């Protein structure tokens, strides 16, 4: 053979996993299938299977990469000098938005309320967010806005049908010319951050004041989420105190509403979506709810967005675990497949436990949202939503990093999804109220509705007697709530343990014994460690890995 033949072929590519694509995210997630049926959405199995197939397609996955490689760009004026406040996106972003809205991720529980409606929507969103998380921001806000806007029936009659329509129209034109719209949110200001009562934006009545009436808003907003939306829920100081308003991009007469984007935020993650700073220069808006009751009015929206943070972080964990499990199933080192080597099994099984625990808690709360007629379920949702938002979102960053480490050097490369998952992972913990805000909200809920704690303990107590470590954890937790001293100082510790109690209870009652046993051993037993990979030697790690690994290639 000529020397040139040897020079032409340097090596053979082998021992590399196939891409995790062209698979069904629903069919390859046993824990999700079980939770959907258990929590009351068995009727949606065919629909979820269809969405799972779409979310796993290579061409759809590619849209997520394209949307993040091409950040939105702000254009303040058109070429003739007219103010337009236009945000331009890559076509991939619009395709993902269209897919989400046509599947009803922004509206299905409102347009088709039934048993399991929130469960089905959460499961669908859980899969969809694994493709690309950033565009979920306007989807979530559009979804969450309806309960707040519904408090003002005459405004809901006009905006409701367009908000809930299963269509997507990204054009920067008056809402009157559209059949479908999206809704954003503008609460935060420079001087206050999470303390929205410190807002300085003023609301001046155009004529008669009061609910449903027109006002002009003057001030600034430090965060306007998704500034390309058609209208925004805004908090501003009316003569009677902090109030909630619906502010459209355009006035009803077809002229541009004078709120002006100053710049887009330069975010470390969530880059496919636009966030902005804006000034309100007499922007026309309509009051929603009672004057001076802005926070209680908008809290309906905030509760829904916090729940969606749980969905998004749970979905991110599932995608991170799926990537690590898939890689290790197809990659060999030191003479054996990675997912067959004891230490790697310990880590992989631990990542799978965290992911499943997050998802089952999220779907259990979706069932609570579905049961509006039950006072107990509503008390559970009121308390457990900030618990879940705090815990699941806070667990996501280290989970993403550990999954990246399982993959190794190739997981750090930007042509992998892992860097995007890692950058996205802190966002939900900070958006819609950071960890301390959630803990304080939980204390506020306990103060206003003491029965919610009893409801919570009744829920998790259904697993008592099945695992001694869980029983000890729960008894100590209940005892610690009897002591009201320094409650605020101890809040994080208490909320950590509340979250673990709920996750453990659900896994004990519904997951395979190997899953529940390992979770209790490491999250509430003496065997727990600070890092992933501390499962006890008697753990059936292979069974946990088999349950969680997507089968592709």
Protein backbone atom coordinates (compact mmCIF):
# COMPACT_ATOMS: atom_id res chain seq x y z
CA UNK A 1 0.00 0.00 0.00
CA UNK A 2 1.27 3.45 -0.88
CA UNK A 3 2.32 5.75 1.95
CA UNK A 4 -0.29 8.32 0.86
CA UNK A 5 -3.07 5.89 1.80
CA UNK A 6 -1.83 5.75 5.38
CA UNK A 7 -1.56 9.53 5.52
CA UNK A 8 -5.13 9.98 4.31
CA UNK A 9 -6.71 8.00 7.17
CA UNK A 10 -5.61 9.10 10.62
CA UNK A 11 -8.16 7.24 12.73
CA UNK A 12 -11.54 5.57 12.94
CA UNK A 13 -14.30 7.26 14.94
CA UNK A 14 -15.80 4.82 17.44
CA UNK A 15 -16.85 4.66 21.11
CA UNK A 16 -18.93 7.80 20.66
CA UNK A 17 -22.65 7.95 21.54
CA UNK A 18 -25.20 8.67 18.83
CA UNK A 19 -27.02 12.01 19.17
CA UNK A 20 -29.92 11.96 21.61
CA UNK A 21 -32.53 12.80 19.00
CA UNK A 22 -35.41 11.26 17.03
CA UNK A 23 -36.88 9.69 20.13
CA UNK A 24 -40.18 10.15 21.95
CA UNK A 25 -39.71 12.12 25.16
CA UNK A 26 -42.95 10.75 26.60
CA UNK A 27 -42.53 7.11 25.68
CA UNK A 28 -38.94 7.14 26.96
CA UNK A 29 -39.88 8.56 30.38
CA UNK A 30 -41.58 5.91 32.48
CA UNK A 31 -41.82 8.07 35.58
CA UNK A 32 -43.63 10.78 33.63
CA UNK A 33 -46.10 8.32 32.12
CA UNK A 34 -46.93 6.94 35.56
CA UNK A 35 -47.37 10.40 37.08
CA UNK A 36 -49.69 11.58 34.30
CA UNK A 37 -52.02 8.63 34.87
CA UNK A 38 -51.80 8.82 38.66
CA UNK A 39 -52.58 12.53 38.82
CA UNK A 40 -55.67 12.35 36.63
CA UNK A 41 -54.70 13.02 33.01
CA UNK A 42 -54.90 9.52 31.53
CA UNK A 43 -57.23 10.93 28.88
CA UNK A 44 -54.30 12.96 27.49
CA UNK A 45 -51.92 10.03 26.85
CA UNK A 46 -52.29 10.08 23.06
CA UNK A 47 -51.83 13.85 22.91
CA UNK A 48 -48.75 13.68 25.16
CA UNK A 49 -47.28 10.86 23.13
CA UNK A 50 -47.68 12.95 19.97
CA UNK A 51 -46.06 15.98 21.61
CA UNK A 52 -43.25 13.78 22.94
CA UNK A 53 -42.47 12.61 19.43
CA UNK A 54 -42.32 16.20 18.14
CA UNK A 55 -40.10 17.36 21.02
CA UNK A 56 -37.63 14.58 20.31
CA UNK A 57 -37.28 15.19 16.58
CA UNK A 58 -33.84 16.24 15.36
CA UNK A 59 -35.19 19.22 13.43
CA UNK A 60 -37.08 20.53 16.47
CA UNK A 61 -34.05 20.07 18.72
CA UNK A 62 -32.01 22.05 16.19
CA UNK A 63 -34.42 24.97 16.58
CA UNK A 64 -33.30 25.31 20.19
CA UNK A 65 -29.68 25.61 19.17
CA UNK A 66 -30.45 28.14 16.43
CA UNK A 67 -32.61 30.30 18.72
CA UNK A 68 -29.78 30.51 21.26
CA UNK A 69 -27.02 31.08 18.73
CA UNK A 70 -28.93 34.08 17.34
CA UNK A 71 -29.88 36.44 20.15
CA UNK A 72 -32.81 38.86 19.78
CA UNK A 73 -31.86 42.30 18.51
CA UNK A 74 -33.52 45.59 19.50
CA UNK A 75 -34.45 48.22 16.90
CA UNK A 76 -35.70 51.41 18.53
CA UNK A 77 -36.68 53.21 15.28
CA UNK A 78 -37.48 52.24 11.72
CA UNK A 79 -35.38 53.54 8.83
CA UNK A 80 -37.61 56.61 8.49
CA UNK A 81 -37.10 57.65 12.11
CA UNK A 82 -40.40 56.45 13.59
CA UNK A 83 -40.23 54.97 17.09
CA UNK A 84 -41.10 51.26 16.83
CA UNK A 85 -39.52 49.45 19.82
CA UNK A 86 -39.14 46.33 17.72
CA UNK A 87 -37.35 43.19 18.90
CA UNK A 88 -36.29 40.89 16.06
CA UNK A 89 -35.79 37.16 16.58
CA UNK A 90 -34.32 34.35 14.55
CA UNK A 91 -37.02 32.34 12.71
CA UNK A 92 -36.22 29.34 14.94
CA UNK A 93 -37.53 31.24 17.96
CA UNK A 94 -40.80 31.98 16.19
CA UNK A 95 -41.15 28.33 15.18
CA UNK A 96 -40.76 27.24 18.80
CA UNK A 97 -43.29 29.84 19.95
CA UNK A 98 -45.75 28.76 17.29
CA UNK A 99 -45.34 25.12 18.30
CA UNK A 100 -45.93 25.94 21.97
CA UNK A 101 -49.03 28.07 21.39
CA UNK A 102 -50.58 25.74 18.85
CA UNK A 103 -50.28 22.96 21.45
CA UNK A 104 -52.08 25.14 23.99
CA UNK A 105 -49.23 25.45 26.48
CA UNK A 106 -50.45 28.98 27.17
CA UNK A 107 -54.15 28.26 27.53
CA UNK A 108 -55.40 24.66 27.61
CA UNK A 109 -56.57 24.59 31.27
CA UNK A 110 -58.50 27.82 30.70
CA UNK A 111 -60.14 26.82 27.40
CA UNK A 112 -60.75 23.16 28.30
CA UNK A 113 -61.07 22.95 32.09
CA UNK A 114 -61.48 19.35 33.22
CA UNK A 115 -59.98 16.82 35.57
CA UNK A 116 -56.27 16.60 34.86
CA UNK A 117 -56.13 19.71 32.64
CA UNK A 118 -53.24 21.28 34.55
CA UNK A 119 -51.53 17.89 34.79
CA UNK A 120 -51.69 17.35 31.03
CA UNK A 121 -50.50 20.86 30.33
CA UNK A 122 -47.63 20.53 32.84
CA UNK A 123 -46.51 17.24 31.30
CA UNK A 124 -46.56 18.73 27.82
CA UNK A 125 -44.68 21.83 28.96
CA UNK A 126 -42.18 19.62 30.81
CA UNK A 127 -41.25 17.95 27.52
CA UNK A 128 -41.38 21.12 25.45
CA UNK A 129 -39.03 23.00 27.79
CA UNK A 130 -36.41 20.30 27.28
CA UNK A 131 -36.05 21.45 23.68
CA UNK A 132 -35.47 25.11 24.58
CA UNK A 133 -36.33 26.83 27.84
CA UNK A 134 -36.00 30.55 27.11
CA UNK A 135 -39.06 30.94 24.89
CA UNK A 136 -41.08 29.50 27.74
CA UNK A 137 -41.03 32.94 29.41
CA UNK A 138 -43.72 34.56 27.20
CA UNK A 139 -45.62 31.26 27.05
CA UNK A 140 -45.74 31.13 30.84
CA UNK A 141 -46.71 34.78 31.28
CA UNK A 142 -49.48 34.54 28.69
CA UNK A 143 -50.79 31.46 30.50
CA UNK A 144 -50.46 33.00 33.96
CA UNK A 145 -52.04 36.33 33.04
CA UNK A 146 -55.55 34.96 32.54
CA UNK A 147 -56.52 34.48 36.22
CA UNK A 148 -55.52 38.09 36.94
CA UNK A 149 -57.14 39.60 33.85
CA UNK A 150 -60.30 37.58 34.57
CA UNK A 151 -60.73 39.67 37.73
CA UNK A 152 -61.81 42.52 35.43
CA UNK A 153 -64.59 40.90 33.34
CA UNK A 154 -65.08 43.72 30.81
CA UNK A 155 -61.36 43.67 29.96
CA UNK A 156 -61.22 39.88 29.96
CA UNK A 157 -64.10 39.82 27.47
CA UNK A 158 -61.97 41.75 24.97
CA UNK A 159 -58.54 40.27 25.64
CA UNK A 160 -59.38 36.74 26.83
CA UNK A 161 -60.24 35.17 23.46
CA UNK A 162 -57.06 36.53 21.90
CA UNK A 163 -54.89 35.46 24.83
CA UNK A 164 -56.18 31.89 24.77
CA UNK A 165 -56.30 31.44 20.99
CA UNK A 166 -54.15 28.55 19.75
CA UNK A 167 -52.25 30.68 17.29
CA UNK A 168 -49.14 32.84 17.15
CA UNK A 169 -48.84 36.28 15.61
CA UNK A 170 -45.51 38.02 16.33
CA UNK A 171 -46.24 41.17 14.31
CA UNK A 172 -45.71 44.53 16.00
CA UNK A 173 -49.18 45.86 15.25
CA UNK A 174 -52.21 46.86 17.37
CA UNK A 175 -53.91 43.99 19.20
CA UNK A 176 -57.19 45.00 17.54
CA UNK A 177 -55.75 43.74 14.26
CA UNK A 178 -54.77 40.35 15.69
CA UNK A 179 -56.62 37.16 16.57
CA UNK A 180 -53.88 35.97 18.95
CA UNK A 181 -51.74 37.91 21.43
CA UNK A 182 -49.12 37.27 24.10
CA UNK A 183 -48.81 38.91 27.52
CA UNK A 184 -45.70 40.05 29.39
CA UNK A 185 -45.05 41.48 32.81
CA UNK A 186 -43.41 44.66 34.17
CA UNK A 187 -43.16 44.83 37.95
CA UNK A 188 -39.53 45.32 39.00
CA UNK A 189 -37.92 48.73 39.37
CA UNK A 190 -34.32 49.76 40.10
CA UNK A 191 -34.86 50.91 43.66
CA UNK A 192 -37.00 48.02 44.86
CA UNK A 193 -36.30 44.74 43.10
CA UNK A 194 -38.49 42.14 44.79
CA UNK A 195 -39.94 44.84 47.05
CA UNK A 196 -42.54 46.00 44.53
CA UNK A 197 -44.26 48.17 47.14
CA UNK A 198 -41.28 50.51 46.69
CA UNK A 199 -42.27 51.08 43.05
CA UNK A 200 -42.28 54.73 42.01
CA UNK A 201 -44.10 54.52 38.65
CA UNK A 202 -47.20 56.72 38.86
CA UNK A 203 -50.67 55.99 37.51
CA UNK A 204 -52.76 59.07 36.69
CA UNK A 205 -56.48 58.64 35.89
CA UNK A 206 -57.42 59.76 32.38
CA UNK A 207 -60.98 60.51 33.51
CA UNK A 208 -62.83 58.62 36.23
CA UNK A 209 -60.62 56.45 38.47
CA UNK A 210 -61.29 52.88 39.48
CA UNK A 211 -61.26 49.26 38.28
CA UNK A 212 -61.44 48.91 34.51
CA UNK A 213 -60.76 52.62 33.97
CA UNK A 214 -57.99 54.17 31.86
CA UNK A 215 -54.82 55.60 33.40
CA UNK A 216 -51.57 57.06 32.14
CA UNK A 217 -48.41 55.45 33.54
CA UNK A 218 -45.25 57.51 34.09
CA UNK A 219 -42.05 55.94 35.37
CA UNK A 220 -39.54 53.20 34.61
CA UNK A 221 -39.26 49.41 34.75
CA UNK A 222 -35.97 47.65 35.40
CA UNK A 223 -37.27 44.36 34.01
CA UNK A 224 -39.89 44.12 31.30
CA UNK A 225 -40.11 40.44 30.55
CA UNK A 226 -40.63 39.60 26.88
CA UNK A 227 -40.99 43.18 25.55
CA UNK A 228 -42.25 41.90 22.20
CA UNK A 229 -45.54 40.87 23.82
CA UNK A 230 -48.79 42.65 22.92
CA UNK A 231 -49.64 43.82 26.45
CA UNK A 232 -48.16 43.74 29.94
CA UNK A 233 -49.40 43.46 33.49
CA UNK A 234 -47.80 46.39 35.31
CA UNK A 235 -47.68 47.56 38.92
CA UNK A 236 -47.84 51.33 39.49
CA UNK A 237 -48.75 53.78 42.26
CA UNK A 238 -52.30 55.11 41.79
CA UNK A 239 -53.68 57.79 44.11
CA UNK A 240 -55.06 54.99 46.29
CA UNK A 241 -51.85 52.96 46.40
CA UNK A 242 -50.03 50.28 44.40
CA UNK A 243 -52.35 48.94 41.73
CA UNK A 244 -52.31 46.52 38.80
CA UNK A 245 -52.77 47.60 35.18
CA UNK A 246 -52.95 46.08 31.71
CA UNK A 247 -50.73 48.13 29.38
CA UNK A 248 -50.86 47.38 25.62
CA UNK A 249 -48.05 48.04 23.14
CA UNK A 250 -50.44 50.05 20.97
CA UNK A 251 -53.32 52.37 21.80
CA UNK A 252 -56.81 51.46 20.54
CA UNK A 253 -56.62 54.29 17.99
CA UNK A 254 -53.66 52.56 16.29
CA UNK A 255 -50.94 54.88 17.59
CA UNK A 256 -47.95 53.55 19.46
CA UNK A 257 -48.33 53.55 23.23
CA UNK A 258 -45.56 55.73 24.73
CA UNK A 259 -43.62 53.14 26.65
CA UNK A 260 -40.10 52.90 25.29
CA UNK A 261 -37.53 50.14 25.50
CA UNK A 262 -34.15 51.50 26.60
CA UNK A 263 -32.12 48.36 26.00
CA UNK A 264 -32.27 44.58 26.12
CA UNK A 265 -30.74 42.83 29.11
CA UNK A 266 -27.44 41.06 28.48
CA UNK A 267 -28.20 37.80 30.28
CA UNK A 268 -25.84 34.91 31.02
CA UNK A 269 -28.59 32.45 30.22
CA UNK A 270 -32.12 32.53 28.84
CA UNK A 271 -30.59 34.32 25.86
CA UNK A 272 -33.10 33.27 23.19
CA UNK A 273 -35.73 35.30 25.02
CA UNK A 274 -35.67 39.09 25.35
CA UNK A 275 -35.79 40.95 28.65
CA UNK A 276 -35.57 44.72 28.74
CA UNK A 277 -35.48 48.02 30.58
CA UNK A 278 -38.16 50.53 29.68
CA UNK A 279 -39.49 53.99 30.41
CA UNK A 280 -43.22 54.70 30.57
CA UNK A 281 -43.97 58.18 29.25
CA UNK A 282 -47.70 58.48 29.81
CA UNK A 283 -48.45 54.94 28.60
CA UNK A 284 -52.17 54.16 28.44
CA UNK A 285 -53.27 51.29 30.68
CA UNK A 286 -56.42 49.94 32.33
CA UNK A 287 -56.72 49.14 36.01
CA UNK A 288 -57.25 45.47 36.89
CA UNK A 289 -58.84 44.83 40.27
CA UNK A 290 -59.27 47.28 43.11
CA UNK A 291 -57.15 50.40 43.45
CA UNK A 292 -54.43 49.92 46.03
CA UNK A 293 -54.71 46.13 45.76
CA UNK A 294 -52.07 45.61 43.11
CA UNK A 295 -50.12 42.86 44.85
CA UNK A 296 -53.14 40.69 45.75
CA UNK A 297 -54.44 41.21 42.19
CA UNK A 298 -51.27 40.16 40.42
CA UNK A 299 -50.50 37.35 42.90
CA UNK A 300 -52.71 35.03 40.84
CA UNK A 301 -50.32 35.52 37.94
CA UNK A 302 -47.25 35.15 40.16
CA UNK A 303 -48.52 31.85 41.58
CA UNK A 304 -48.86 30.44 38.08
CA UNK A 305 -45.46 31.69 36.93
CA UNK A 306 -43.85 30.17 40.02
CA UNK A 307 -45.47 26.86 39.23
CA UNK A 308 -44.10 27.05 35.70
CA UNK A 309 -40.64 27.66 37.16
CA UNK A 310 -41.04 24.27 38.81
CA UNK A 311 -41.99 22.71 35.49
CA UNK A 312 -39.08 24.35 33.68
CA UNK A 313 -36.47 23.33 36.24
CA UNK A 314 -37.87 19.80 36.42
CA UNK A 315 -37.69 19.60 32.64
CA UNK A 316 -34.13 20.88 32.68
CA UNK A 317 -33.16 18.21 35.19
CA UNK A 318 -34.76 15.52 33.08
CA UNK A 319 -32.90 16.65 29.97
CA UNK A 320 -29.59 16.84 31.85
CA UNK A 321 -30.08 13.39 33.35
CA UNK A 322 -31.18 11.98 29.97
CA UNK A 323 -28.06 13.36 28.30
CA UNK A 324 -25.76 11.89 30.95
CA UNK A 325 -27.53 8.52 31.01
CA UNK A 326 -27.54 8.29 27.23
CA UNK A 327 -23.87 9.18 26.97
CA UNK A 328 -22.82 6.66 29.61
CA UNK A 329 -24.89 3.89 28.05
CA UNK A 330 -22.98 4.26 24.78
CA UNK A 331 -19.53 5.20 26.05
CA UNK A 332 -16.92 2.72 27.32
CA UNK A 333 -13.76 3.38 29.33
CA UNK A 334 -11.32 1.22 31.25
CA UNK A 335 -12.76 -1.91 29.72
CA UNK A 336 -16.48 -1.47 30.42
CA UNK A 337 -19.49 0.65 29.53
CA UNK A 338 -19.67 3.72 31.77
CA UNK A 339 -23.15 2.98 33.07
CA UNK A 340 -21.97 -0.46 34.20
CA UNK A 341 -19.12 0.86 36.33
CA UNK A 342 -19.99 1.07 40.05
CA UNK A 343 -18.94 4.64 40.83
CA UNK A 344 -20.56 6.06 37.70
CA UNK A 345 -23.69 4.05 38.46
CA UNK A 346 -23.80 5.70 41.86
CA UNK A 347 -23.74 9.17 40.31
CA UNK A 348 -26.12 8.42 37.43
CA UNK A 349 -28.71 6.81 39.69
CA UNK A 350 -28.50 9.78 42.06
CA UNK A 351 -29.10 12.23 39.19
CA UNK A 352 -32.09 10.14 38.09
CA UNK A 353 -33.51 10.23 41.63
CA UNK A 354 -33.32 14.01 41.79
CA UNK A 355 -34.99 14.37 38.41
CA UNK A 356 -37.85 12.01 39.20
CA UNK A 357 -38.45 13.59 42.62
CA UNK A 358 -38.73 17.04 41.03
CA UNK A 359 -41.17 15.85 38.38
CA UNK A 360 -43.50 13.91 40.71
CA UNK A 361 -43.77 16.88 43.07
CA UNK A 362 -44.55 19.18 40.16
CA UNK A 363 -47.30 16.97 38.75
CA UNK A 364 -48.80 16.43 42.20
CA UNK A 365 -49.16 20.20 42.51
CA UNK A 366 -50.67 20.31 39.03
CA UNK A 367 -53.43 18.04 40.37
CA UNK A 368 -53.95 20.44 43.27
CA UNK A 369 -54.38 23.30 40.78
CA UNK A 370 -56.97 21.24 38.93
CA UNK A 371 -59.14 20.72 42.01
CA UNK A 372 -60.45 24.24 42.59
CA UNK A 373 -63.46 22.90 44.46
CA UNK A 374 -61.38 21.38 47.25
CA UNK A 375 -60.30 23.76 49.99
CA UNK A 376 -57.62 21.31 51.09
CA UNK A 377 -56.13 21.06 47.61
CA UNK A 378 -56.06 24.85 47.32
CA UNK A 379 -54.35 25.17 50.70
CA UNK A 380 -51.84 22.57 49.59
CA UNK A 381 -51.17 24.44 46.36
CA UNK A 382 -50.77 27.75 48.22
CA UNK A 383 -48.10 26.33 50.52
CA UNK A 384 -46.39 23.74 48.35
CA UNK A 385 -45.97 25.92 45.24
CA UNK A 386 -43.39 28.25 46.84
CA UNK A 387 -41.85 25.22 48.55
CA UNK A 388 -41.43 23.48 45.21
CA UNK A 389 -40.34 26.63 43.42
CA UNK A 390 -37.67 27.24 46.05
CA UNK A 391 -36.36 23.68 46.25
CA UNK A 392 -36.56 22.34 42.69
CA UNK A 393 -35.21 25.51 41.08
CA UNK A 394 -32.40 25.70 43.61
CA UNK A 395 -31.39 22.08 42.98
CA UNK A 396 -31.17 22.53 39.21
CA UNK A 397 -27.73 24.21 38.81
CA UNK A 398 -25.66 21.59 40.62
CA UNK A 399 -27.67 18.85 38.91
CA UNK A 400 -26.83 20.31 35.49
CA UNK A 401 -23.16 20.61 36.38
CA UNK A 402 -22.95 17.03 37.67
CA UNK A 403 -24.59 15.70 34.53
CA UNK A 404 -22.09 17.70 32.48
CA UNK A 405 -19.23 16.11 34.42
CA UNK A 406 -20.58 12.63 33.63
CA UNK A 407 -20.25 13.46 29.94
CA UNK A 408 -16.81 14.97 30.36
CA UNK A 409 -15.01 17.36 28.05
CA UNK A 410 -17.47 17.07 25.18
CA UNK A 411 -20.22 18.24 27.51
CA UNK A 412 -18.49 21.58 27.91
CA UNK A 413 -18.51 22.24 24.18
CA UNK A 414 -21.06 24.72 22.82
CA UNK A 415 -22.28 22.25 20.19
CA UNK A 416 -23.63 20.22 23.10
CA UNK A 417 -26.84 21.16 24.88
CA UNK A 418 -25.12 20.91 28.27
CA UNK A 419 -23.66 24.48 28.43
CA UNK A 420 -27.12 25.84 27.64
CA UNK A 421 -28.70 23.71 30.36
CA UNK A 422 -26.10 24.92 32.86
CA UNK A 423 -26.55 28.60 31.96
CA UNK A 424 -30.32 28.24 32.07
CA UNK A 425 -30.35 26.40 35.40
CA UNK A 426 -30.05 29.40 37.80
CA UNK A 427 -32.71 31.47 36.05
CA UNK A 428 -35.85 29.96 37.55
CA UNK A 429 -34.43 30.18 41.08
CA UNK A 430 -34.08 33.96 40.68
CA UNK A 431 -37.05 34.78 38.41
CA UNK A 432 -40.40 35.29 40.16
CA UNK A 433 -38.83 35.71 43.59
CA UNK A 434 -35.49 34.28 44.73
CA UNK A 435 -35.03 31.70 47.47
CA UNK A 436 -35.42 34.07 50.41
CA UNK A 437 -38.55 35.59 48.89
CA UNK A 438 -40.10 32.12 48.54
CA UNK A 439 -39.27 31.22 52.14
CA UNK A 440 -40.78 34.45 53.44
CA UNK A 441 -43.86 33.85 51.31
CA UNK A 442 -44.22 30.40 52.89
CA UNK A 443 -44.10 31.95 56.37
CA UNK A 444 -46.71 34.49 55.24
CA UNK A 445 -48.94 31.67 53.96
CA UNK A 446 -48.61 29.82 57.28
CA UNK A 447 -49.51 33.00 59.16
CA UNK A 448 -52.57 33.76 57.07
CA UNK A 449 -53.74 30.16 56.63
CA UNK A 450 -52.42 28.03 59.52
CA UNK A 451 -54.54 25.11 58.28
CA UNK A 452 -52.30 24.83 55.23
CA UNK A 453 -49.55 23.25 57.34
CA UNK A 454 -51.95 20.62 58.66
CA UNK A 455 -53.09 19.89 55.11
CA UNK A 456 -49.47 19.58 54.01
CA UNK A 457 -48.59 17.17 56.81
CA UNK A 458 -51.72 15.13 56.10
CA UNK A 459 -50.61 14.82 52.47
CA UNK A 460 -47.05 13.74 53.17
CA UNK A 461 -48.12 11.71 56.19
CA UNK A 462 -49.85 9.23 53.89
CA UNK A 463 -46.43 7.55 53.54
CA UNK A 464 -45.86 7.06 57.27
CA UNK A 465 -44.93 3.57 58.38
CA UNK A 466 -43.20 2.61 55.14
CA UNK A 467 -39.68 3.89 55.83
CA UNK A 468 -38.25 4.56 59.28
CA UNK A 469 -35.96 7.34 58.04
CA UNK A 470 -38.93 9.17 56.54
CA UNK A 471 -40.91 8.72 59.77
CA UNK A 472 -38.09 10.22 61.85
CA UNK A 473 -37.65 13.10 59.38
CA UNK A 474 -41.35 13.92 59.42
CA UNK A 475 -41.71 13.70 63.21
CA UNK A 476 -38.73 16.02 63.77
CA UNK A 477 -40.04 18.44 61.16
CA UNK A 478 -43.47 18.59 62.79
CA UNK A 479 -41.85 19.09 66.19
CA UNK A 480 -39.71 21.96 64.90
CA UNK A 481 -42.79 23.79 63.67
CA UNK A 482 -44.09 23.85 67.23
CA UNK A 483 -41.27 26.25 68.07
CA UNK A 484 -42.05 29.69 66.65
CA UNK A 485 -38.82 31.33 67.84
CA UNK A 486 -36.47 32.65 65.13
CA UNK A 487 -38.76 31.25 62.46
CA UNK A 488 -37.57 33.66 59.79
CA UNK A 489 -33.92 32.92 60.54
CA UNK A 490 -34.61 29.17 60.29
CA UNK A 491 -36.85 29.42 57.25
CA UNK A 492 -34.51 27.90 54.68
CA UNK A 493 -33.81 24.88 56.85
CA UNK A 494 -37.51 24.30 57.42
CA UNK A 495 -38.40 24.71 53.74
CA UNK A 496 -35.61 22.36 52.66
CA UNK A 497 -37.06 19.69 54.89
CA UNK A 498 -40.66 20.36 53.84
CA UNK A 499 -39.66 19.84 50.21
CA UNK A 500 -37.78 16.64 50.95
CA UNK A 501 -40.71 15.32 52.99
CA UNK A 502 -43.12 15.82 50.09
CA UNK A 503 -40.79 14.33 47.51
CA UNK A 504 -39.99 11.33 49.71
CA UNK A 505 -43.66 10.75 50.49
CA UNK A 506 -44.59 10.71 46.81
CA UNK A 507 -41.74 8.37 45.89
CA UNK A 508 -42.49 6.00 48.79
CA UNK A 509 -46.13 5.77 47.74
CA UNK A 510 -45.72 5.63 43.98
CA UNK A 511 -42.19 4.90 42.74
CA UNK A 512 -40.47 1.49 42.55
CA UNK A 513 -38.92 0.44 45.88
CA UNK A 514 -35.37 0.94 44.57
CA UNK A 515 -36.11 4.60 43.88
CA UNK A 516 -37.82 5.35 47.18
CA UNK A 517 -35.23 3.43 49.21
CA UNK A 518 -32.29 5.26 47.65
CA UNK A 519 -33.97 8.65 47.98
CA UNK A 520 -34.72 8.24 51.66
CA UNK A 521 -31.26 6.82 52.38
CA UNK A 522 -29.48 9.84 50.92
CA UNK A 523 -31.90 12.72 51.45
CA UNK A 524 -33.05 12.02 54.99
CA UNK A 525 -30.87 9.19 56.26
CA UNK A 526 -27.42 9.22 57.82
CA UNK A 527 -25.90 8.02 54.55
CA UNK A 528 -26.40 11.30 52.71
CA UNK A 529 -23.45 13.28 51.37
CA UNK A 530 -22.89 16.77 50.08
CA UNK A 531 -22.39 15.66 46.47
CA UNK A 532 -24.16 13.33 44.08
CA UNK A 533 -22.90 9.74 44.16
CA UNK A 534 -23.49 8.91 47.82
CA UNK A 535 -26.02 6.12 47.41
CA UNK A 536 -25.54 3.22 49.86
CA UNK A 537 -23.99 -0.03 48.68
CA UNK A 538 -27.27 -1.94 48.77
CA UNK A 539 -28.91 0.44 46.26
CA UNK A 540 -30.20 -1.18 43.08
CA UNK A 541 -28.53 1.50 40.96
CA UNK A 542 -28.84 -0.55 37.78
CA UNK A 543 -32.63 -0.67 38.13
CA UNK A 544 -32.83 3.10 38.72
CA UNK A 545 -30.62 3.74 35.69
CA UNK A 546 -32.63 1.38 33.51
CA UNK A 547 -35.86 3.13 34.49
CA UNK A 548 -34.54 6.58 33.58
CA UNK A 549 -32.39 5.99 30.49
CA UNK A 550 -33.93 6.95 27.13
CA UNK A 551 -33.49 4.20 24.54
CA UNK A 552 -31.95 5.67 21.44
CA UNK A 553 -29.53 3.81 19.18
